[in-house]
Amino acid sequence: MKHKLLTALGPIILGLVVFAAIPAMAGPPTGLYYALPSWNQTFPASMRFIVLTNMSSEAVLDRETGLVWEKSPSTSTSNWEGAQSFCNTLTTGRRLGWRLPTIQELASLVDTSVPSPGPTLPSGHPFSNVQPSNYWSATTIAVITSFAWGVNFYYGVVATVDGPGQVNKDFPQNYRWCVRGGQGVDPQ
């Protein structure tokens, strides 16, 4: 009888010992800089954006999207290829790995409740030097591949076919704002 009981309880006891040896999972990591992207939530700017001191305060974490943005985007303009090259080789906060944002990522910074003239960013945002003008995205217009989508931060709009943000990739007058993280897009 003792042998049968030990045979029956042996696997249960072994399972409990192994289970007790594994540290408890407390859920996703937390902390000041951890961001679980929450595209379905909205935060006030004071909670949404965190200036990253571990990146020399040169970058900002967007807790809604999980993206890291330059705190101070470039104040010079370039054509689309130049913007791509600039972001791909950028070292900000002692880090490489920057890129030109997709149109959806760039548009996620627009606060449509802010009246133009812009910049049409959420009130209380930590960014500096954002120009009330057109910014390049990495997203090519599907039917006109020599054009790319953009965001106009003066009006707070994503470009339409005849809009102010959609422009020929050779046009040298758009600004660039680099980002880290997310999915990105292969430029055409």
Protein backbone atom coordinates (compact mmCIF):
# COMPACT_ATOMS: atom_id res chain seq x y z
CA MET A 1 0.00 0.00 0.00
CA LYS A 2 2.82 2.39 0.90
CA HIS A 3 4.52 1.68 -2.43
CA LYS A 4 1.32 2.35 -4.41
CA LEU A 5 0.77 5.63 -2.57
CA LEU A 6 4.36 6.75 -3.24
CA THR A 7 4.03 5.73 -6.90
CA ALA A 8 0.81 7.72 -7.22
CA LEU A 9 2.02 10.81 -5.32
CA GLY A 10 5.59 10.78 -6.72
CA PRO A 11 4.81 12.67 -9.97
CA ILE A 12 2.65 15.18 -8.07
CA ILE A 13 5.38 15.85 -5.51
CA LEU A 14 8.01 16.15 -8.26
CA GLY A 15 5.76 18.59 -10.14
CA LEU A 16 5.31 20.74 -7.03
CA VAL A 17 9.06 20.82 -6.40
CA VAL A 18 9.79 21.86 -9.99
CA PHE A 19 6.98 24.44 -9.95
CA ALA A 20 8.28 25.94 -6.70
CA ALA A 21 11.77 26.27 -8.21
CA ILE A 22 10.52 28.38 -11.15
CA PRO A 23 10.27 32.09 -10.31
CA ALA A 24 6.76 33.48 -10.42
CA MET A 25 5.93 35.44 -13.55
CA ALA A 26 4.72 38.86 -12.52
CA GLY A 27 3.53 39.90 -15.96
CA PRO A 28 5.33 42.22 -18.40
CA PRO A 29 8.34 44.18 -17.19
CA THR A 30 7.52 47.52 -15.70
CA GLY A 31 9.43 50.68 -14.97
CA LEU A 32 9.81 54.26 -16.03
CA TYR A 33 11.07 53.45 -19.52
CA TYR A 34 9.11 50.32 -20.31
CA ALA A 35 6.27 50.88 -22.75
CA LEU A 36 3.64 48.32 -23.60
CA PRO A 37 2.26 49.90 -26.79
CA SER A 38 -1.32 50.97 -26.28
CA TRP A 39 -2.63 52.16 -29.63
CA ASN A 40 -6.13 51.65 -28.24
CA GLN A 41 -5.54 54.07 -25.35
CA THR A 42 -4.90 57.75 -25.15
CA PHE A 43 -2.83 59.49 -22.50
CA PRO A 44 -2.44 63.16 -21.66
CA ALA A 45 0.92 64.44 -22.91
CA SER A 46 2.27 64.55 -19.34
CA MET A 47 1.83 60.76 -19.11
CA ARG A 48 2.23 59.86 -22.77
CA PHE A 49 5.72 61.22 -23.42
CA ILE A 50 8.79 60.42 -21.32
CA VAL A 51 12.11 62.14 -21.97
CA LEU A 52 14.72 59.38 -21.82
CA THR A 53 17.54 60.46 -19.53
CA ASN A 54 19.39 57.21 -20.33
CA MET A 55 19.66 58.54 -23.89
CA SER A 56 21.14 61.89 -22.81
CA SER A 57 17.62 63.41 -22.78
CA GLU A 58 17.82 63.51 -26.60
CA ALA A 59 14.97 61.04 -27.17
CA VAL A 60 11.35 60.73 -26.10
CA LEU A 61 9.39 57.54 -25.47
CA ASP A 62 5.78 57.61 -26.66
CA ARG A 63 3.93 55.28 -24.29
CA GLU A 64 0.92 55.06 -26.61
CA THR A 65 2.87 53.61 -29.51
CA GLY A 66 6.04 52.30 -27.88
CA LEU A 67 8.11 54.35 -30.35
CA VAL A 68 11.13 56.46 -29.42
CA TRP A 69 11.32 59.85 -31.19
CA GLU A 70 14.07 62.41 -31.47
CA LYS A 71 13.33 65.07 -28.88
CA SER A 72 14.54 67.73 -31.29
CA PRO A 73 14.03 66.80 -34.95
CA SER A 74 16.30 68.24 -37.59
CA THR A 75 15.65 71.88 -38.49
CA SER A 76 17.09 71.45 -41.96
CA THR A 77 15.26 70.10 -44.98
CA SER A 78 16.17 67.53 -47.58
CA ASN A 79 14.71 65.40 -50.32
CA TRP A 80 13.23 61.98 -49.43
CA GLU A 81 16.39 59.98 -50.14
CA GLY A 82 18.42 62.42 -48.04
CA ALA A 83 15.92 62.09 -45.18
CA GLN A 84 16.18 58.27 -45.36
CA SER A 85 19.98 58.42 -45.33
CA PHE A 86 20.04 60.97 -42.51
CA CYS A 87 17.86 58.84 -40.22
CA ASN A 88 19.58 55.56 -41.08
CA THR A 89 22.97 56.95 -40.04
CA LEU A 90 21.81 59.15 -37.15
CA THR A 91 23.38 58.77 -33.72
CA THR A 92 21.11 60.32 -31.10
CA GLY A 93 21.32 59.51 -27.42
CA ARG A 94 24.50 57.55 -28.22
CA ARG A 95 22.40 55.09 -30.27
CA LEU A 96 22.13 54.06 -33.89
CA GLY A 97 19.02 52.28 -35.21
CA TRP A 98 16.99 55.32 -36.22
CA ARG A 99 14.81 55.42 -39.34
CA LEU A 100 12.24 57.57 -41.10
CA PRO A 101 8.77 56.85 -39.63
CA THR A 102 5.85 55.35 -41.53
CA ILE A 103 2.98 57.68 -42.31
CA GLN A 104 0.87 56.10 -39.56
CA GLU A 105 3.64 56.56 -36.98
CA LEU A 106 4.25 60.18 -37.95
CA ALA A 107 0.52 60.94 -37.97
CA SER A 108 0.20 59.47 -34.46
CA LEU A 109 1.92 62.62 -33.15
CA VAL A 110 -0.76 64.95 -34.53
CA ASP A 111 -3.34 66.30 -32.11
CA THR A 112 -6.29 67.32 -34.27
CA SER A 113 -7.77 69.36 -31.42
CA VAL A 114 -4.85 71.82 -31.58
CA PRO A 115 -5.80 74.70 -33.88
CA SER A 116 -3.47 75.63 -36.72
CA PRO A 117 -1.11 77.26 -37.16
CA GLY A 118 0.90 74.48 -35.61
CA PRO A 119 2.88 72.66 -34.71
CA THR A 120 -0.23 70.59 -34.07
CA LEU A 121 1.22 68.40 -31.31
CA PRO A 122 -0.43 67.45 -28.01
CA SER A 123 -0.40 70.31 -25.51
CA GLY A 124 2.47 69.91 -23.07
CA HIS A 125 4.58 67.73 -25.38
CA PRO A 126 8.35 67.67 -24.64
CA PHE A 127 9.56 68.14 -28.22
CA SER A 128 11.54 71.15 -29.38
CA ASN A 129 12.25 72.68 -32.80
CA VAL A 130 9.24 71.03 -34.49
CA GLN A 131 8.53 73.12 -37.56
CA PRO A 132 4.95 73.99 -38.59
CA SER A 133 5.58 72.49 -42.00
CA ASN A 134 5.84 69.21 -43.98
CA TYR A 135 7.71 66.18 -42.66
CA TRP A 136 8.72 63.15 -44.70
CA SER A 137 7.45 59.67 -43.96
CA ALA A 138 9.02 56.46 -45.24
CA THR A 139 5.73 55.54 -46.92
CA THR A 140 5.65 55.72 -50.70
CA ILE A 141 2.37 56.53 -52.43
CA ALA A 142 1.34 53.23 -54.03
CA VAL A 143 0.06 54.61 -57.34
CA ILE A 144 2.73 57.32 -57.72
CA THR A 145 5.97 55.75 -56.50
CA SER A 146 7.96 58.91 -57.12
CA PHE A 147 5.91 60.54 -54.35
CA ALA A 148 5.87 59.90 -50.59
CA TRP A 149 3.29 60.59 -47.90
CA GLY A 150 3.95 63.28 -45.35
CA VAL A 151 2.41 65.10 -42.41
CA ASN A 152 1.94 68.82 -42.35
CA PHE A 153 2.32 70.00 -38.74
CA TYR A 154 1.05 73.49 -39.61
CA TYR A 155 -2.43 72.17 -40.39
CA GLY A 156 -2.12 68.82 -38.60
CA VAL A 157 -3.06 66.78 -41.64
CA VAL A 158 -1.87 63.69 -43.42
CA ALA A 159 -1.40 64.35 -47.09
CA THR A 160 -4.08 63.50 -49.59
CA VAL A 161 -3.62 63.24 -53.35
CA ASP A 162 -3.64 67.02 -53.68
CA GLY A 163 -2.71 67.73 -50.07
CA PRO A 164 0.11 69.84 -48.69
CA GLY A 165 2.09 66.88 -47.31
CA GLN A 166 2.26 64.63 -50.37
CA VAL A 167 5.16 65.58 -52.52
CA ASN A 168 7.67 64.37 -55.09
CA LYS A 169 10.57 62.54 -53.41
CA ASP A 170 13.05 64.86 -55.13
CA PHE A 171 11.51 67.94 -53.47
CA PRO A 172 14.21 69.27 -51.10
CA GLN A 173 11.96 71.30 -48.79
CA ASN A 174 10.56 68.75 -46.30
CA TYR A 175 11.81 68.20 -42.77
CA ARG A 176 12.73 64.86 -41.22
CA TRP A 177 11.93 63.43 -37.79
CA CYS A 178 13.60 60.14 -36.98
CA VAL A 179 12.19 57.32 -34.86
CA ARG A 180 13.32 54.01 -33.30
CA GLY A 181 11.30 50.85 -32.74
CA GLY A 182 8.11 49.72 -34.41
CA GLN A 183 7.88 47.87 -37.69
CA GLY A 184 9.20 50.39 -40.16
CA VAL A 185 8.85 49.98 -43.90
CA ASP A 186 11.22 49.16 -46.72
CA PRO A 187 11.53 52.27 -48.90
CA GLN A 188 11.00 51.93 -52.63
